[in-house]
C-alpha atoms as a PDB file:
ATOM      1  CA  MET A   1     -29.227  -0.954 -37.078  1.00  0.00           C
ATOM      2  CA  GLY A   2     -28.426  -4.079 -35.018  1.00  0.00           C
ATOM      3  CA  GLY A   3     -24.658  -3.717 -35.608  1.00  0.00           C
ATOM      4  CA  ALA A   4     -24.597  -0.128 -34.353  1.00  0.00           C
ATOM      5  CA  SER A   5     -26.412  -1.011 -31.137  1.00  0.00           C
ATOM      6  CA  GLN A   6     -23.902  -3.813 -30.459  1.00  0.00           C
ATOM      7  CA  ILE A   7     -21.021  -1.380 -30.868  1.00  0.00           C
ATOM      8  CA  VAL A   8     -22.683   1.083 -28.495  1.00  0.00           C
ATOM      9  CA  LEU A   9     -23.239  -1.748 -25.991  1.00  0.00           C
ATOM     10  CA  LEU A  10     -19.565  -2.740 -26.179  1.00  0.00           C
ATOM     11  CA  ILE A  11     -18.497   0.867 -25.600  1.00  0.00           C
ATOM     12  CA  VAL A  12     -20.809   1.144 -22.582  1.00  0.00           C
ATOM     13  CA  ILE A  13     -19.474  -2.143 -21.133  1.00  0.00           C
ATOM     14  CA  PHE A  14     -15.877  -0.981 -21.636  1.00  0.00           C
ATOM     15  CA  GLY A  15     -16.705   2.342 -19.939  1.00  0.00           C
ATOM     16  CA  ILE A  16     -18.193   0.553 -16.931  1.00  0.00           C
ATOM     17  CA  MET A  17     -15.158  -1.766 -16.703  1.00  0.00           C
ATOM     18  CA  TYR A  18     -12.862   1.253 -16.832  1.00  0.00           C
ATOM     19  CA  LEU A  19     -14.726   3.006 -14.017  1.00  0.00           C
ATOM     20  CA  LEU A  20     -15.013  -0.061 -11.777  1.00  0.00           C
ATOM     21  CA  ILE A  21     -11.688  -1.814 -12.347  1.00  0.00           C
ATOM     22  CA  ILE A  22      -8.999   0.165 -14.123  1.00  0.00           C
ATOM     23  CA  LEU A  23      -9.458   3.638 -12.596  1.00  0.00           C
ATOM     24  CA  PRO A  24      -9.380   2.512  -8.918  1.00  0.00           C
ATOM     25  CA  GLU A  25      -6.283   0.372  -9.607  1.00  0.00           C
ATOM     26  CA  GLN A  26      -4.510   3.355 -11.165  1.00  0.00           C
ATOM     27  CA  ARG A  27      -5.363   5.465  -8.100  1.00  0.00           C
ATOM     28  CA  ASN A  28      -4.050   2.779  -5.735  1.00  0.00           C
ATOM     29  CA  ARG A  29      -0.829   2.416  -7.737  1.00  0.00           C
ATOM     30  CA  LYS A  30      -0.274   6.192  -7.707  1.00  0.00           C
ATOM     31  CA  LYS A  31      -0.943   6.380  -3.958  1.00  0.00           C
ATOM     32  CA  HIS A  32       1.521   3.521  -3.293  1.00  0.00           C
ATOM     33  CA  GLN A  33       4.193   5.178  -5.448  1.00  0.00           C
ATOM     34  CA  GLU A  34       3.756   8.450  -3.502  1.00  0.00           C
ATOM     35  CA  LEU A  35       4.183   6.513  -0.255  1.00  0.00           C
ATOM     36  CA  LEU A  36       7.425   4.952  -1.497  1.00  0.00           C
ATOM     37  CA  ASN A  37       8.760   8.276  -2.797  1.00  0.00           C
ATOM     38  CA  ASN A  38       8.060   9.973   0.557  1.00  0.00           C
ATOM     39  CA  LEU A  39       9.686   7.329   2.784  1.00  0.00           C
ATOM     40  CA  LYS A  40      12.173   8.753   5.228  1.00  0.00           C
ATOM     41  CA  LYS A  41      14.382   7.576   8.045  1.00  0.00           C
ATOM     42  CA  GLY A  42      12.352   6.847  11.173  1.00  0.00           C
ATOM     43  CA  ASP A  43       9.117   5.891   9.375  1.00  0.00           C
ATOM     44  CA  LYS A  44       7.357   2.846  10.797  1.00  0.00           C
ATOM     45  CA  VAL A  45       6.515   0.570   7.887  1.00  0.00           C
ATOM     46  CA  LEU A  46       4.588  -2.614   7.220  1.00  0.00           C
ATOM     47  CA  MET A  47       5.923  -5.034   4.638  1.00  0.00           C
ATOM     48  CA  GLN A  48       4.015  -7.411   2.410  1.00  0.00           C
ATOM     49  CA  SER A  49       5.156 -10.328   4.570  1.00  0.00           C
ATOM     50  CA  GLY A  50       3.562  -8.779   7.657  1.00  0.00           C
ATOM     51  CA  ILE A  51       6.850  -7.724   9.238  1.00  0.00           C
ATOM     52  CA  ARG A  52       6.835  -4.330  10.885  1.00  0.00           C
ATOM     53  CA  GLY A  53       9.904  -2.194  11.382  1.00  0.00           C
ATOM     54  CA  VAL A  54      11.509   1.230  11.372  1.00  0.00           C
ATOM     55  CA  VAL A  55      13.341   2.633   8.356  1.00  0.00           C
ATOM     56  CA  THR A  56      17.010   3.229   9.183  1.00  0.00           C
ATOM     57  CA  LYS A  57      18.478   3.806   5.723  1.00  0.00           C
ATOM     58  CA  ILE A  58      17.242   4.376   2.167  1.00  0.00           C
ATOM     59  CA  LYS A  59      19.497   3.805  -0.828  1.00  0.00           C
ATOM     60  CA  ASP A  60      18.005   3.870  -4.327  1.00  0.00           C
ATOM     61  CA  ASN A  61      15.430   1.048  -4.387  1.00  0.00           C
ATOM     62  CA  VAL A  62      16.638  -0.696  -1.203  1.00  0.00           C
ATOM     63  CA  VAL A  63      15.425   0.181   2.285  1.00  0.00           C
ATOM     64  CA  THR A  64      17.129  -0.978   5.486  1.00  0.00           C
ATOM     65  CA  ILE A  65      14.586  -1.704   8.207  1.00  0.00           C
ATOM     66  CA  LYS A  66      15.204  -2.355  11.895  1.00  0.00           C
ATOM     67  CA  ILE A  67      12.840  -5.112  13.012  1.00  0.00           C
ATOM     68  CA  ALA A  68      14.343  -5.860  16.446  1.00  0.00           C
ATOM     69  CA  GLU A  69      17.218  -4.757  18.639  1.00  0.00           C
ATOM     70  CA  LYS A  70      20.418  -5.258  16.589  1.00  0.00           C
ATOM     71  CA  VAL A  71      18.439  -6.857  13.720  1.00  0.00           C
ATOM     72  CA  GLU A  72      18.187  -5.015  10.420  1.00  0.00           C
ATOM     73  CA  ILE A  73      17.038  -6.316   7.057  1.00  0.00           C
ATOM     74  CA  GLU A  74      17.220  -4.899   3.552  1.00  0.00           C
ATOM     75  CA  VAL A  75      14.096  -4.988   1.396  1.00  0.00           C
ATOM     76  CA  GLU A  76      13.137  -3.646  -1.996  1.00  0.00           C
ATOM     77  CA  LYS A  77      10.858  -0.599  -1.813  1.00  0.00           C
ATOM     78  CA  PRO A  78       7.896  -2.197  -3.637  1.00  0.00           C
ATOM     79  CA  TYR A  79       7.530  -4.758  -0.819  1.00  0.00           C
ATOM     80  CA  ILE A  80       6.611  -1.999   1.635  1.00  0.00           C
ATOM     81  CA  ILE A  81       2.825  -1.762   1.626  1.00  0.00           C
ATOM     82  CA  GLY A  82       2.221   1.012   4.104  1.00  0.00           C
ATOM     83  CA  LEU A  83       2.986   2.975   7.215  1.00  0.00           C
ATOM     84  CA  TYR A  84       1.655   2.072  10.621  1.00  0.00           C
ATOM     85  CA  LYS A  85       1.153   3.738  13.954  1.00  0.00           C
ATOM     86  CA  GLN A  86       2.281   1.755  16.946  1.00  0.00           C
ATOM     87  CA  GLU A  87      -0.652   0.695  19.080  1.00  0.00           C
ATOM     88  CA  SER A  88      -0.422   1.136  22.809  1.00  0.00           C
ATOM     89  CA  LYS A  89       0.427  -2.071  24.616  1.00  0.00           C
ATOM     90  CA  THR A  90      -2.171  -1.480  27.313  1.00  0.00           C
ATOM     91  CA  LYS A  91      -5.748  -1.921  26.286  1.00  0.00           C
ATOM     92  CA  GLU A  92      -8.690  -0.649  28.222  1.00  0.00           C
ATOM     93  CA  ILE A  93     -11.166  -3.302  29.229  1.00  0.00           C
ATOM     94  CA  LYS A  94     -14.730  -2.098  29.282  1.00  0.00           C
ATOM     95  CA  SER A  95     -16.805  -3.603  32.011  1.00  0.00           C
ATOM     96  CA  SER A  96     -20.317  -4.778  31.272  1.00  0.00           C
ATOM     97  CA  ASN A  97     -21.664  -3.354  34.560  1.00  0.00           C
END
């Protein structure tokens, strides 16, 4: 009887690990792959290094990104972590009055 309860306990622990660790990681990986597959020219991207830029060319697994005027770099697709929306340069200051 004691051996069967240990097996059941191991199965329950594995199930909890799957739900808390493995399943969310699979979802994140799938979401990231969809992002990379849907990249197009003109997208504003954020790279793993923190550099932001605009996609100018996509060829196989290499993306050319414009990061400044007359400055373009080539990066591998997996190093792009997301898209970003450019924030406005003027910020409203709320007064405390």
